[in-house]
Amino acid sequence: MSAFAVYFIIWWTVLFMVLPIGLRTQADENEVVLGTVESAPARFRGARVVLLTSVISAAIYGAWYVASTYFGFSLNSLPRIVPDFGRT
């Protein structure tokens, strides 16, 4: 279940990186539909966005899986950014 949670978080993050790729707004196409904003997509390609997001997320998840399973990397391997002032 945690593997699905990690993949879902990666997928959701990648989704916001993929959404603007290839986006053509109504203002770019000079075809603004009455009642919409100019920055609305002229043609929303939902299937393409979902497919590209899934492929990129699978590659990132695969790299994370290999790094954690075969090389032993985990969140504890990352350096501490915030110093621990509570211990002496």
Protein backbone atom coordinates (compact mmCIF):
# COMPACT_ATOMS: atom_id res chain seq x y z
CA MET A 1 0.00 0.00 0.00
CA SER A 2 2.87 2.42 0.69
CA ALA A 3 4.22 1.80 -2.82
CA PHE A 4 0.91 3.02 -4.24
CA ALA A 5 1.03 6.07 -1.97
CA VAL A 6 4.53 6.97 -3.16
CA TYR A 7 3.51 6.52 -6.81
CA PHE A 8 0.39 8.64 -6.27
CA ILE A 9 2.42 11.48 -4.75
CA ILE A 10 4.92 11.33 -7.61
CA TRP A 11 2.09 11.19 -10.18
CA TRP A 12 0.28 14.17 -8.69
CA THR A 13 3.47 16.24 -8.59
CA VAL A 14 4.41 15.33 -12.16
CA LEU A 15 0.88 16.19 -13.33
CA PHE A 16 1.44 19.85 -12.52
CA MET A 17 4.73 19.80 -14.43
CA VAL A 18 3.13 18.17 -17.49
CA LEU A 19 -0.03 20.31 -17.72
CA PRO A 20 1.58 23.37 -19.34
CA ILE A 21 3.57 21.33 -21.90
CA GLY A 22 2.19 22.07 -25.36
CA LEU A 23 -0.63 24.21 -24.00
CA ARG A 24 -2.23 26.55 -26.51
CA THR A 25 -4.56 29.06 -24.91
CA GLN A 26 -7.62 30.60 -26.49
CA ALA A 27 -5.70 33.88 -26.69
CA ASP A 28 -2.90 32.14 -28.64
CA GLU A 29 -5.45 30.77 -31.10
CA ASN A 30 -7.41 34.09 -31.27
CA GLU A 31 -10.62 32.16 -30.57
CA VAL A 32 -11.84 33.27 -27.15
CA VAL A 33 -15.19 31.69 -26.36
CA LEU A 34 -17.71 34.06 -24.79
CA GLY A 35 -17.83 33.54 -21.02
CA THR A 36 -14.33 32.06 -20.68
CA VAL A 37 -10.98 33.61 -19.84
CA GLU A 38 -8.32 34.09 -22.48
CA SER A 39 -5.93 31.75 -20.66
CA ALA A 40 -8.30 28.78 -20.96
CA PRO A 41 -6.97 25.95 -23.14
CA ALA A 42 -8.10 26.04 -26.75
CA ARG A 43 -8.14 22.21 -26.89
CA PHE A 44 -7.66 20.25 -23.68
CA ARG A 45 -5.92 16.95 -24.35
CA GLY A 46 -6.69 15.07 -21.16
CA ALA A 47 -5.71 11.63 -22.41
CA ARG A 48 -2.31 12.89 -23.57
CA VAL A 49 -1.68 14.60 -20.22
CA VAL A 50 -2.65 11.50 -18.21
CA LEU A 51 -0.56 9.19 -20.41
CA LEU A 52 2.54 11.41 -20.32
CA THR A 53 2.17 11.91 -16.57
CA SER A 54 1.87 8.16 -16.00
CA VAL A 55 4.95 7.36 -18.11
CA ILE A 56 7.14 9.99 -16.44
CA SER A 57 5.87 8.99 -12.98
CA ALA A 58 6.59 5.32 -13.66
CA ALA A 59 10.17 6.18 -14.64
CA ILE A 60 10.69 8.27 -11.50
CA TYR A 61 9.07 5.61 -9.31
CA GLY A 62 11.23 2.92 -10.93
CA ALA A 63 14.38 4.94 -10.19
CA TRP A 64 13.24 5.43 -6.59
CA TYR A 65 12.45 1.72 -6.24
CA VAL A 66 15.86 0.66 -7.56
CA ALA A 67 17.65 3.21 -5.37
CA SER A 68 15.79 2.15 -2.24
CA THR A 69 15.73 -1.62 -2.83
CA TYR A 70 19.10 -2.37 -4.39
CA PHE A 71 21.25 0.52 -3.20
CA GLY A 72 19.70 1.02 0.25
CA PHE A 73 18.85 4.72 -0.09
CA SER A 74 16.02 6.00 2.08
CA LEU A 75 14.80 9.27 3.51
CA ASN A 76 17.26 8.77 6.36
CA SER A 77 20.08 8.92 3.79
CA LEU A 78 19.31 12.55 3.04
CA PRO A 79 21.33 15.13 4.96
CA ARG A 80 19.64 16.97 7.78
CA ILE A 81 18.88 20.54 6.80
CA VAL A 82 17.60 21.77 10.15
CA PRO A 83 20.08 21.45 13.03
CA ASP A 84 18.93 19.52 16.09
CA PHE A 85 19.11 22.06 18.94
CA GLY A 86 17.30 19.85 21.45
CA ARG A 87 20.16 17.43 22.04
CA THR A 88 23.46 18.19 23.71
